[in-house]
Amino acid sequence: MKKIGQGWQYTTYDLENGRVLKKFHSWSKAYLVIFREIFPFNKDSLFEIPSFIKDVKRKADESFEILKRVNIPQEWMANPRFINKYDFEQDKVQPLHKVFENLDSEGIKNIIDQFIIFNLRLFNLGVIDKGFNITKNYGINNEGQIVLIDIGELFDDKESVIKQIKDRGWVKSYVAG
């Protein structure tokens, strides 16, 4: 099992069977991951880390409740299979940041068009990904379809969805970065 990625919520491991394991961070692991990312504290304070950890856990809890309420096709989320409350496996897919590395401008535009269509399909179910983080939260499966690989930041509250769209979450610096 090889580590292939890490974010504020999860570390991702390649299970080498066409699947990945998303392992939710313990409090101390999350602290270290967030500390390393926000250091040297130009934008965020060291003292905000505990609230960031609490927030990522809350987002995961809310997202997993949404998955119980909303019938999102499993293949749209790379066929997650929960091991416990927070840890799960998914199909191994190519994250879009890797896909973009091998495409010309026309190919990238095509993927962005597919991304928009995919998010409209989610929106029609009353759900959105909080950040629209195209490079990290989405991938391409073996059939060439866009899938959501970060299922820990979903919204289905109408007011939150409308606010996120009005705030144009997709233009935030962390989305394109």
N, C-alpha and C. Protein backbone atom coordinates (compact mmCIF):
# COMPACT_ATOMS: atom_id res chain seq x y z
N MET A 1 0.86 -1.18 0.00
CA MET A 1 0.00 0.00 0.00
C MET A 1 0.90 1.23 0.00
N LYS A 2 0.77 2.03 -1.06
CA LYS A 2 1.64 3.18 -1.26
C LYS A 2 0.84 4.47 -1.12
N LYS A 3 1.38 5.43 -0.35
CA LYS A 3 0.74 6.73 -0.21
C LYS A 3 0.84 7.47 -1.54
N ILE A 4 -0.32 7.99 -2.01
CA ILE A 4 -0.32 8.71 -3.29
C ILE A 4 -0.87 10.13 -3.18
N GLY A 5 -1.39 10.50 -2.02
CA GLY A 5 -1.93 11.84 -1.87
C GLY A 5 -2.32 12.13 -0.45
N GLN A 6 -2.51 13.43 -0.18
CA GLN A 6 -2.89 13.84 1.17
C GLN A 6 -3.53 15.22 1.13
N GLY A 7 -4.57 15.38 1.92
CA GLY A 7 -5.23 16.67 2.08
C GLY A 7 -5.50 16.90 3.55
N TRP A 8 -6.32 17.89 3.84
CA TRP A 8 -6.61 18.21 5.24
C TRP A 8 -7.44 17.11 5.91
N GLN A 9 -8.27 16.38 5.15
CA GLN A 9 -9.12 15.35 5.74
C GLN A 9 -8.49 13.96 5.67
N TYR A 10 -7.87 13.65 4.55
CA TYR A 10 -7.50 12.27 4.25
C TYR A 10 -6.07 12.13 3.73
N THR A 11 -5.53 10.93 3.94
CA THR A 11 -4.37 10.46 3.19
C THR A 11 -4.89 9.35 2.29
N THR A 12 -4.45 9.35 1.03
CA THR A 12 -4.89 8.38 0.04
C THR A 12 -3.77 7.39 -0.24
N TYR A 13 -4.14 6.11 -0.22
CA TYR A 13 -3.19 5.03 -0.47
C TYR A 13 -3.66 4.21 -1.66
N ASP A 14 -2.72 3.83 -2.52
CA ASP A 14 -3.00 2.94 -3.64
C ASP A 14 -3.02 1.51 -3.12
N LEU A 15 -4.16 0.83 -3.27
CA LEU A 15 -4.29 -0.55 -2.81
C LEU A 15 -3.76 -1.53 -3.86
N GLU A 16 -3.35 -1.00 -5.02
CA GLU A 16 -2.75 -1.78 -6.10
C GLU A 16 -3.67 -2.88 -6.64
N ASN A 17 -4.97 -2.62 -6.54
CA ASN A 17 -5.97 -3.54 -7.10
C ASN A 17 -7.04 -2.77 -7.87
N GLY A 18 -6.66 -1.55 -8.33
CA GLY A 18 -7.61 -0.70 -9.02
C GLY A 18 -8.44 0.16 -8.07
N ARG A 19 -8.10 0.10 -6.79
CA ARG A 19 -8.83 0.86 -5.76
C ARG A 19 -7.83 1.66 -4.93
N VAL A 20 -8.35 2.68 -4.26
CA VAL A 20 -7.56 3.45 -3.31
C VAL A 20 -8.26 3.43 -1.96
N LEU A 21 -7.48 3.62 -0.91
CA LEU A 21 -8.01 3.75 0.45
C LEU A 21 -7.87 5.20 0.86
N LYS A 22 -8.97 5.78 1.33
CA LYS A 22 -8.95 7.14 1.89
C LYS A 22 -9.05 6.98 3.40
N LYS A 23 -7.96 7.31 4.08
CA LYS A 23 -7.85 7.15 5.53
C LYS A 23 -7.98 8.53 6.18
N PHE A 24 -9.03 8.68 7.00
CA PHE A 24 -9.31 9.96 7.66
C PHE A 24 -8.23 10.23 8.71
N HIS A 25 -7.79 11.48 8.79
CA HIS A 25 -6.73 11.83 9.72
C HIS A 25 -7.20 11.86 11.17
N SER A 26 -6.34 11.35 12.04
CA SER A 26 -6.54 11.57 13.48
C SER A 26 -6.34 13.07 13.75
N TRP A 27 -6.70 13.52 14.93
CA TRP A 27 -6.55 14.93 15.27
C TRP A 27 -5.10 15.36 15.13
N SER A 28 -4.18 14.56 15.66
CA SER A 28 -2.76 14.95 15.62
C SER A 28 -2.22 14.95 14.19
N LYS A 29 -2.62 13.97 13.39
CA LYS A 29 -2.18 13.92 11.99
C LYS A 29 -2.73 15.13 11.23
N ALA A 30 -4.01 15.46 11.45
CA ALA A 30 -4.59 16.63 10.80
C ALA A 30 -3.86 17.90 11.21
N TYR A 31 -3.50 18.00 12.47
CA TYR A 31 -2.77 19.17 12.96
C TYR A 31 -1.46 19.33 12.18
N LEU A 32 -0.71 18.24 12.05
CA LEU A 32 0.57 18.30 11.34
C LEU A 32 0.40 18.66 9.87
N VAL A 33 -0.58 18.04 9.22
CA VAL A 33 -0.84 18.31 7.79
C VAL A 33 -1.19 19.78 7.59
N ILE A 34 -2.10 20.29 8.39
CA ILE A 34 -2.54 21.68 8.25
C ILE A 34 -1.41 22.64 8.62
N PHE A 35 -0.67 22.32 9.70
CA PHE A 35 0.47 23.15 10.12
C PHE A 35 1.45 23.32 8.96
N ARG A 36 1.81 22.21 8.33
CA ARG A 36 2.77 22.26 7.21
C ARG A 36 2.24 23.09 6.04
N GLU A 37 0.94 23.00 5.81
CA GLU A 37 0.38 23.72 4.67
C GLU A 37 0.28 25.22 4.91
N ILE A 38 -0.07 25.64 6.12
CA ILE A 38 -0.28 27.07 6.36
C ILE A 38 0.98 27.79 6.85
N PHE A 39 2.02 27.04 7.21
CA PHE A 39 3.29 27.65 7.63
C PHE A 39 3.88 28.41 6.46
N PRO A 40 4.37 29.60 6.60
CA PRO A 40 4.76 30.35 7.79
C PRO A 40 3.69 31.30 8.34
N PHE A 41 2.44 30.94 8.22
CA PHE A 41 1.33 31.66 8.85
C PHE A 41 1.14 33.08 8.32
N ASN A 42 1.35 33.25 7.02
CA ASN A 42 1.13 34.56 6.40
C ASN A 42 -0.35 34.88 6.29
N LYS A 43 -1.16 33.86 6.02
CA LYS A 43 -2.59 34.07 5.80
C LYS A 43 -3.42 33.58 6.99
N ASP A 44 -3.02 32.44 7.56
CA ASP A 44 -3.76 31.84 8.66
C ASP A 44 -2.86 31.73 9.89
N SER A 45 -3.48 31.81 11.06
CA SER A 45 -2.74 31.73 12.32
C SER A 45 -2.63 30.28 12.80
N LEU A 46 -1.54 30.03 13.48
CA LEU A 46 -1.33 28.74 14.13
C LEU A 46 -2.52 28.40 15.04
N PHE A 47 -3.09 29.40 15.67
CA PHE A 47 -4.17 29.20 16.63
C PHE A 47 -5.50 28.84 15.97
N GLU A 48 -5.57 28.96 14.65
CA GLU A 48 -6.78 28.58 13.92
C GLU A 48 -6.83 27.09 13.59
N ILE A 49 -5.71 26.40 13.73
CA ILE A 49 -5.65 25.00 13.33
C ILE A 49 -6.71 24.14 14.03
N PRO A 50 -6.91 24.25 15.35
CA PRO A 50 -7.98 23.43 15.97
C PRO A 50 -9.36 23.67 15.36
N SER A 51 -9.66 24.92 15.00
CA SER A 51 -10.97 25.19 14.39
C SER A 51 -11.02 24.62 12.97
N PHE A 52 -9.89 24.62 12.25
CA PHE A 52 -9.84 24.00 10.92
C PHE A 52 -10.11 22.50 11.02
N ILE A 53 -9.51 21.87 12.02
CA ILE A 53 -9.68 20.42 12.21
C ILE A 53 -11.15 20.11 12.52
N LYS A 54 -11.73 20.89 13.40
CA LYS A 54 -13.14 20.71 13.75
C LYS A 54 -14.02 20.89 12.50
N ASP A 55 -13.67 21.87 11.67
CA ASP A 55 -14.45 22.16 10.47
C ASP A 55 -14.37 21.03 9.45
N VAL A 56 -13.18 20.45 9.23
CA VAL A 56 -13.08 19.37 8.24
C VAL A 56 -13.85 18.14 8.71
N LYS A 57 -13.87 17.89 10.01
CA LYS A 57 -14.64 16.75 10.54
C LYS A 57 -16.13 17.01 10.38
N ARG A 58 -16.56 18.24 10.67
CA ARG A 58 -17.97 18.61 10.51
C ARG A 58 -18.40 18.45 9.05
N LYS A 59 -17.55 18.90 8.12
CA LYS A 59 -17.86 18.78 6.70
C LYS A 59 -18.00 17.31 6.29
N ALA A 60 -17.10 16.48 6.78
CA ALA A 60 -17.18 15.06 6.46
C ALA A 60 -18.48 14.48 7.00
N ASP A 61 -18.81 14.78 8.26
CA ASP A 61 -20.05 14.27 8.86
C ASP A 61 -21.26 14.70 8.03
N GLU A 62 -21.32 15.98 7.67
CA GLU A 62 -22.45 16.48 6.89
C GLU A 62 -22.50 15.83 5.51
N SER A 63 -21.35 15.68 4.87
CA SER A 63 -21.31 15.07 3.55
C SER A 63 -21.81 13.63 3.57
N PHE A 64 -21.39 12.88 4.56
CA PHE A 64 -21.78 11.48 4.62
C PHE A 64 -23.26 11.33 4.95
N GLU A 65 -23.82 12.29 5.66
CA GLU A 65 -25.27 12.30 5.87
C GLU A 65 -25.99 12.60 4.55
N ILE A 66 -25.44 13.50 3.77
CA ILE A 66 -26.02 13.81 2.46
C ILE A 66 -26.01 12.56 1.58
N LEU A 67 -24.92 11.80 1.62
CA LEU A 67 -24.84 10.58 0.82
C LEU A 67 -25.92 9.57 1.21
N LYS A 68 -26.35 9.61 2.45
CA LYS A 68 -27.43 8.72 2.90
C LYS A 68 -28.79 9.21 2.40
N ARG A 69 -28.95 10.54 2.26
CA ARG A 69 -30.23 11.13 1.88
C ARG A 69 -30.44 11.25 0.38
N VAL A 70 -29.37 11.54 -0.33
CA VAL A 70 -29.47 11.85 -1.77
C VAL A 70 -28.95 10.66 -2.56
N ASN A 71 -29.70 10.29 -3.55
CA ASN A 71 -29.33 9.13 -4.35
C ASN A 71 -28.38 9.53 -5.48
N ILE A 72 -27.12 9.77 -5.10
CA ILE A 72 -26.09 10.09 -6.09
C ILE A 72 -25.58 8.76 -6.64
N PRO A 73 -25.58 8.59 -7.95
CA PRO A 73 -25.05 7.34 -8.50
C PRO A 73 -23.63 7.06 -8.01
N GLN A 74 -23.40 5.85 -7.56
CA GLN A 74 -22.11 5.47 -6.99
C GLN A 74 -20.97 5.70 -7.98
N GLU A 75 -21.22 5.43 -9.26
CA GLU A 75 -20.16 5.61 -10.25
C GLU A 75 -19.75 7.07 -10.41
N TRP A 76 -20.62 8.01 -10.03
CA TRP A 76 -20.27 9.44 -10.07
C TRP A 76 -19.23 9.78 -9.01
N MET A 77 -19.07 8.90 -8.02
CA MET A 77 -18.15 9.13 -6.90
C MET A 77 -17.07 8.06 -6.84
N ALA A 78 -16.78 7.44 -7.96
CA ALA A 78 -15.75 6.39 -8.05
C ALA A 78 -16.07 5.22 -7.12
N ASN A 79 -17.35 4.90 -7.00
CA ASN A 79 -17.83 3.71 -6.28
C ASN A 79 -17.24 3.56 -4.87
N PRO A 80 -17.56 4.53 -4.00
CA PRO A 80 -17.03 4.43 -2.64
C PRO A 80 -17.62 3.24 -1.87
N ARG A 81 -16.80 2.63 -1.03
CA ARG A 81 -17.25 1.58 -0.11
C ARG A 81 -16.66 1.90 1.25
N PHE A 82 -17.55 2.23 2.19
CA PHE A 82 -17.09 2.63 3.51
C PHE A 82 -16.62 1.43 4.32
N ILE A 83 -15.50 1.63 5.00
CA ILE A 83 -14.92 0.62 5.88
C ILE A 83 -15.38 0.87 7.31
N ASN A 84 -15.46 2.14 7.67
CA ASN A 84 -15.99 2.57 8.96
C ASN A 84 -16.61 3.94 8.73
N LYS A 85 -16.85 4.69 9.79
CA LYS A 85 -17.56 5.96 9.66
C LYS A 85 -16.86 6.94 8.70
N TYR A 86 -15.54 6.95 8.68
CA TYR A 86 -14.81 7.94 7.89
C TYR A 86 -13.92 7.35 6.80
N ASP A 87 -13.38 6.17 7.00
CA ASP A 87 -12.46 5.58 6.02
C ASP A 87 -13.25 4.85 4.94
N PHE A 88 -12.77 4.96 3.70
CA PHE A 88 -13.45 4.28 2.60
C PHE A 88 -12.48 3.99 1.47
N GLU A 89 -12.91 3.08 0.62
CA GLU A 89 -12.20 2.78 -0.62
C GLU A 89 -12.96 3.40 -1.78
N GLN A 90 -12.23 3.69 -2.86
CA GLN A 90 -12.83 4.15 -4.11
C GLN A 90 -12.05 3.53 -5.26
N ASP A 91 -12.68 3.56 -6.44
CA ASP A 91 -11.95 3.19 -7.65
C ASP A 91 -10.78 4.15 -7.80
N LYS A 92 -9.66 3.64 -8.27
CA LYS A 92 -8.53 4.50 -8.56
C LYS A 92 -8.79 5.18 -9.89
N VAL A 93 -8.74 6.50 -9.88
CA VAL A 93 -8.94 7.29 -11.09
C VAL A 93 -7.80 8.28 -11.24
N GLN A 94 -7.73 8.92 -12.39
CA GLN A 94 -6.71 9.94 -12.62
C GLN A 94 -7.25 11.28 -12.14
N PRO A 95 -6.63 11.89 -11.11
CA PRO A 95 -7.06 13.24 -10.71
C PRO A 95 -6.87 14.21 -11.88
N LEU A 96 -7.73 15.20 -11.95
CA LEU A 96 -7.69 16.10 -13.10
C LEU A 96 -6.38 16.87 -13.20
N HIS A 97 -5.72 17.14 -12.10
CA HIS A 97 -4.44 17.85 -12.21
C HIS A 97 -3.43 17.02 -13.00
N LYS A 98 -3.51 15.69 -12.88
CA LYS A 98 -2.63 14.80 -13.67
C LYS A 98 -3.10 14.73 -15.12
N VAL A 99 -4.41 14.68 -15.32
CA VAL A 99 -4.97 14.62 -16.67
C VAL A 99 -4.57 15.87 -17.45
N PHE A 100 -4.67 17.04 -16.81
CA PHE A 100 -4.36 18.30 -17.49
C PHE A 100 -2.90 18.37 -17.95
N GLU A 101 -2.00 17.71 -17.22
CA GLU A 101 -0.58 17.75 -17.58
C GLU A 101 -0.32 17.19 -18.97
N ASN A 102 -1.18 16.29 -19.43
CA ASN A 102 -0.95 15.60 -20.70
C ASN A 102 -1.87 16.08 -21.82
N LEU A 103 -2.55 17.19 -21.63
CA LEU A 103 -3.49 17.67 -22.64
C LEU A 103 -3.08 19.03 -23.19
N ASP A 104 -3.50 19.29 -24.42
CA ASP A 104 -3.34 20.62 -24.99
C ASP A 104 -4.54 21.47 -24.56
N SER A 105 -4.55 22.72 -24.98
CA SER A 105 -5.62 23.65 -24.58
C SER A 105 -7.00 23.14 -24.96
N GLU A 106 -7.12 22.57 -26.14
CA GLU A 106 -8.42 22.07 -26.60
C GLU A 106 -8.89 20.90 -25.72
N GLY A 107 -7.99 20.01 -25.37
CA GLY A 107 -8.32 18.89 -24.50
C GLY A 107 -8.74 19.36 -23.12
N ILE A 108 -8.05 20.36 -22.59
CA ILE A 108 -8.39 20.92 -21.28
C ILE A 108 -9.77 21.56 -21.32
N LYS A 109 -10.06 22.30 -22.40
CA LYS A 109 -11.39 22.92 -22.54
C LYS A 109 -12.48 21.85 -22.56
N ASN A 110 -12.22 20.73 -23.23
CA ASN A 110 -13.19 19.63 -23.28
C ASN A 110 -13.44 19.08 -21.87
N ILE A 111 -12.39 18.89 -21.10
CA ILE A 111 -12.54 18.39 -19.72
C ILE A 111 -13.32 19.38 -18.88
N ILE A 112 -13.02 20.67 -19.04
CA ILE A 112 -13.75 21.70 -18.28
C ILE A 112 -15.23 21.68 -18.64
N ASP A 113 -15.54 21.50 -19.92
CA ASP A 113 -16.95 21.38 -20.34
C ASP A 113 -17.61 20.17 -19.66
N GLN A 114 -16.91 19.04 -19.63
CA GLN A 114 -17.44 17.84 -18.95
C GLN A 114 -17.63 18.09 -17.46
N PHE A 115 -16.68 18.81 -16.86
CA PHE A 115 -16.75 19.17 -15.44
C PHE A 115 -18.00 19.99 -15.14
N ILE A 116 -18.28 20.97 -16.00
CA ILE A 116 -19.47 21.81 -15.82
C ILE A 116 -20.73 20.97 -15.94
N ILE A 117 -20.80 20.13 -16.95
CA ILE A 117 -21.97 19.26 -17.13
C ILE A 117 -22.15 18.34 -15.92
N PHE A 118 -21.05 17.77 -15.43
CA PHE A 118 -21.11 16.90 -14.26
C PHE A 118 -21.66 17.66 -13.05
N ASN A 119 -21.16 18.86 -12.82
CA ASN A 119 -21.63 19.63 -11.67
C ASN A 119 -23.07 20.08 -11.82
N LEU A 120 -23.52 20.30 -13.04
CA LEU A 120 -24.94 20.59 -13.26
C LEU A 120 -25.80 19.37 -12.91
N ARG A 121 -25.29 18.18 -13.23
CA ARG A 121 -26.02 16.95 -12.86
C ARG A 121 -26.11 16.81 -11.34
N LEU A 122 -25.01 17.11 -10.64
CA LEU A 122 -25.05 17.09 -9.17
C LEU A 122 -26.03 18.14 -8.66
N PHE A 123 -25.95 19.34 -9.24
CA PHE A 123 -26.82 20.44 -8.84
C PHE A 123 -28.29 20.06 -9.02
N ASN A 124 -28.60 19.36 -10.10
CA ASN A 124 -29.98 18.91 -10.35
C ASN A 124 -30.46 17.92 -9.29
N LEU A 125 -29.51 17.26 -8.60
CA LEU A 125 -29.87 16.39 -7.47
C LEU A 125 -29.94 17.19 -6.18
N GLY A 126 -29.59 18.49 -6.24
CA GLY A 126 -29.61 19.35 -5.07
C GLY A 126 -28.32 19.32 -4.27
N VAL A 127 -27.23 18.91 -4.90
CA VAL A 127 -25.95 18.75 -4.20
C VAL A 127 -24.86 19.47 -4.99
N ILE A 128 -23.89 20.04 -4.27
CA ILE A 128 -22.68 20.56 -4.92
C ILE A 128 -21.48 20.19 -4.07
N ASP A 129 -20.32 20.18 -4.72
CA ASP A 129 -19.05 20.09 -4.03
C ASP A 129 -18.73 21.50 -3.55
N LYS A 130 -18.40 21.65 -2.28
CA LYS A 130 -18.20 22.98 -1.69
C LYS A 130 -17.26 23.85 -2.50
N GLY A 131 -16.12 23.31 -2.89
CA GLY A 131 -15.10 24.16 -3.47
C GLY A 131 -15.00 24.16 -4.97
N PHE A 132 -15.69 23.27 -5.65
CA PHE A 132 -15.53 23.13 -7.10
C PHE A 132 -14.05 23.02 -7.46
N ASN A 133 -13.27 22.37 -6.60
CA ASN A 133 -11.83 22.30 -6.80
C ASN A 133 -11.53 21.29 -7.90
N ILE A 134 -11.52 21.79 -9.12
CA ILE A 134 -11.45 20.95 -10.32
C ILE A 134 -10.19 20.09 -10.35
N THR A 135 -9.06 20.61 -9.90
CA THR A 135 -7.81 19.85 -10.05
C THR A 135 -7.63 18.77 -9.01
N LYS A 136 -8.22 18.94 -7.82
CA LYS A 136 -7.98 17.99 -6.74
C LYS A 136 -9.20 17.14 -6.37
N ASN A 137 -10.39 17.66 -6.52
CA ASN A 137 -11.59 16.96 -6.05
C ASN A 137 -12.26 16.09 -7.11
N TYR A 138 -11.76 16.15 -8.34
CA TYR A 138 -12.38 15.43 -9.45
C TYR A 138 -11.32 14.63 -10.20
N GLY A 139 -11.80 13.59 -10.88
CA GLY A 139 -10.90 12.77 -11.67
C GLY A 139 -11.62 12.22 -12.88
N ILE A 140 -10.88 11.44 -13.67
CA ILE A 140 -11.42 10.75 -14.84
C ILE A 140 -11.31 9.26 -14.57
N ASN A 141 -12.44 8.55 -14.71
CA ASN A 141 -12.42 7.10 -14.49
C ASN A 141 -11.96 6.37 -15.75
N ASN A 142 -11.94 5.05 -15.68
CA ASN A 142 -11.48 4.24 -16.81
C ASN A 142 -12.35 4.37 -18.05
N GLU A 143 -13.60 4.82 -17.88
CA GLU A 143 -14.50 5.03 -19.02
C GLU A 143 -14.40 6.45 -19.58
N GLY A 144 -13.50 7.26 -19.04
CA GLY A 144 -13.31 8.63 -19.51
C GLY A 144 -14.33 9.61 -18.96
N GLN A 145 -15.04 9.23 -17.89
CA GLN A 145 -16.06 10.09 -17.30
C GLN A 145 -15.51 10.86 -16.10
N ILE A 146 -15.99 12.09 -15.93
CA ILE A 146 -15.65 12.88 -14.74
C ILE A 146 -16.30 12.23 -13.54
N VAL A 147 -15.55 12.12 -12.43
CA VAL A 147 -16.10 11.62 -11.17
C VAL A 147 -15.62 12.53 -10.04
N LEU A 148 -16.40 12.56 -8.98
CA LEU A 148 -16.05 13.31 -7.77
C LEU A 148 -15.25 12.37 -6.89
N ILE A 149 -14.01 12.74 -6.58
CA ILE A 149 -13.18 11.86 -5.76
C ILE A 149 -13.08 12.36 -4.32
N ASP A 150 -13.45 13.61 -4.07
CA ASP A 150 -13.49 14.12 -2.70
C ASP A 150 -14.95 14.22 -2.30
N ILE A 151 -15.41 13.21 -1.58
CA ILE A 151 -16.83 13.18 -1.19
C ILE A 151 -17.05 13.71 0.21
N GLY A 152 -16.03 14.38 0.78
CA GLY A 152 -16.11 14.87 2.14
C GLY A 152 -16.46 16.33 2.28
N GLU A 153 -16.89 16.98 1.18
CA GLU A 153 -17.24 18.40 1.24
C GLU A 153 -18.47 18.71 0.39
N LEU A 154 -19.53 17.96 0.61
CA LEU A 154 -20.76 18.15 -0.15
C LEU A 154 -21.72 19.07 0.60
N PHE A 155 -22.49 19.84 -0.16
CA PHE A 155 -23.56 20.68 0.37
C PHE A 155 -24.86 20.23 -0.27
N ASP A 156 -25.94 20.25 0.51
CA ASP A 156 -27.27 20.09 -0.09
C ASP A 156 -28.28 21.06 0.49
N ASP A 157 -27.84 21.89 1.43
CA ASP A 157 -28.69 22.93 1.99
C ASP A 157 -28.84 24.03 0.94
N LYS A 158 -30.08 24.33 0.55
CA LYS A 158 -30.33 25.27 -0.55
C LYS A 158 -29.64 26.61 -0.34
N GLU A 159 -29.70 27.13 0.89
CA GLU A 159 -29.08 28.43 1.15
C GLU A 159 -27.57 28.36 0.97
N SER A 160 -26.95 27.28 1.44
CA SER A 160 -25.49 27.12 1.29
C SER A 160 -25.12 26.95 -0.17
N VAL A 161 -25.92 26.20 -0.91
CA VAL A 161 -25.65 25.99 -2.34
C VAL A 161 -25.72 27.33 -3.07
N ILE A 162 -26.79 28.08 -2.83
CA ILE A 162 -26.97 29.38 -3.50
C ILE A 162 -25.84 30.34 -3.11
N LYS A 163 -25.46 30.36 -1.83
CA LYS A 163 -24.38 31.23 -1.38
C LYS A 163 -23.07 30.85 -2.06
N GLN A 164 -22.77 29.58 -2.15
CA GLN A 164 -21.53 29.14 -2.78
C GLN A 164 -21.49 29.53 -4.26
N ILE A 165 -22.63 29.42 -4.91
CA ILE A 165 -22.69 29.80 -6.33
C ILE A 165 -22.55 31.32 -6.47
N LYS A 166 -23.25 32.09 -5.63
CA LYS A 166 -23.13 33.55 -5.67
C LYS A 166 -21.71 34.00 -5.36
N ASP A 167 -21.05 33.29 -4.42
CA ASP A 167 -19.67 33.64 -4.05
C ASP A 167 -18.66 33.19 -5.11
N ARG A 168 -19.16 32.44 -6.12
CA ARG A 168 -18.30 31.95 -7.21
C ARG A 168 -17.10 31.19 -6.65
N GLY A 169 -17.39 30.12 -5.90
CA GLY A 169 -16.36 29.32 -5.26
C GLY A 169 -15.28 28.83 -6.19
N TRP A 170 -15.60 28.67 -7.45
CA TRP A 170 -14.65 28.14 -8.43
C TRP A 170 -13.54 29.14 -8.79
N VAL A 171 -13.66 30.42 -8.40
CA VAL A 171 -12.62 31.39 -8.72
C VAL A 171 -11.64 31.61 -7.57
N LYS A 172 -11.84 30.92 -6.45
CA LYS A 172 -10.94 31.07 -5.30
C LYS A 172 -9.54 30.61 -5.69
N SER A 173 -8.54 31.18 -5.07
CA SER A 173 -7.15 30.86 -5.42
C SER A 173 -6.80 29.40 -5.19
N TYR A 174 -7.37 28.78 -4.16
CA TYR A 174 -7.05 27.38 -3.88
C TYR A 174 -7.62 26.42 -4.91
N VAL A 175 -8.61 26.86 -5.67
CA VAL A 175 -9.24 25.99 -6.67
C VAL A 175 -8.30 25.79 -7.86
N ALA A 176 -7.75 26.86 -8.36
CA ALA A 176 -6.87 26.76 -9.53
C ALA A 176 -5.46 26.36 -9.15
N GLY A 177 -5.13 26.42 -7.87
CA GLY A 177 -3.77 26.15 -7.41
C GLY A 177 -3.47 24.77 -7.27
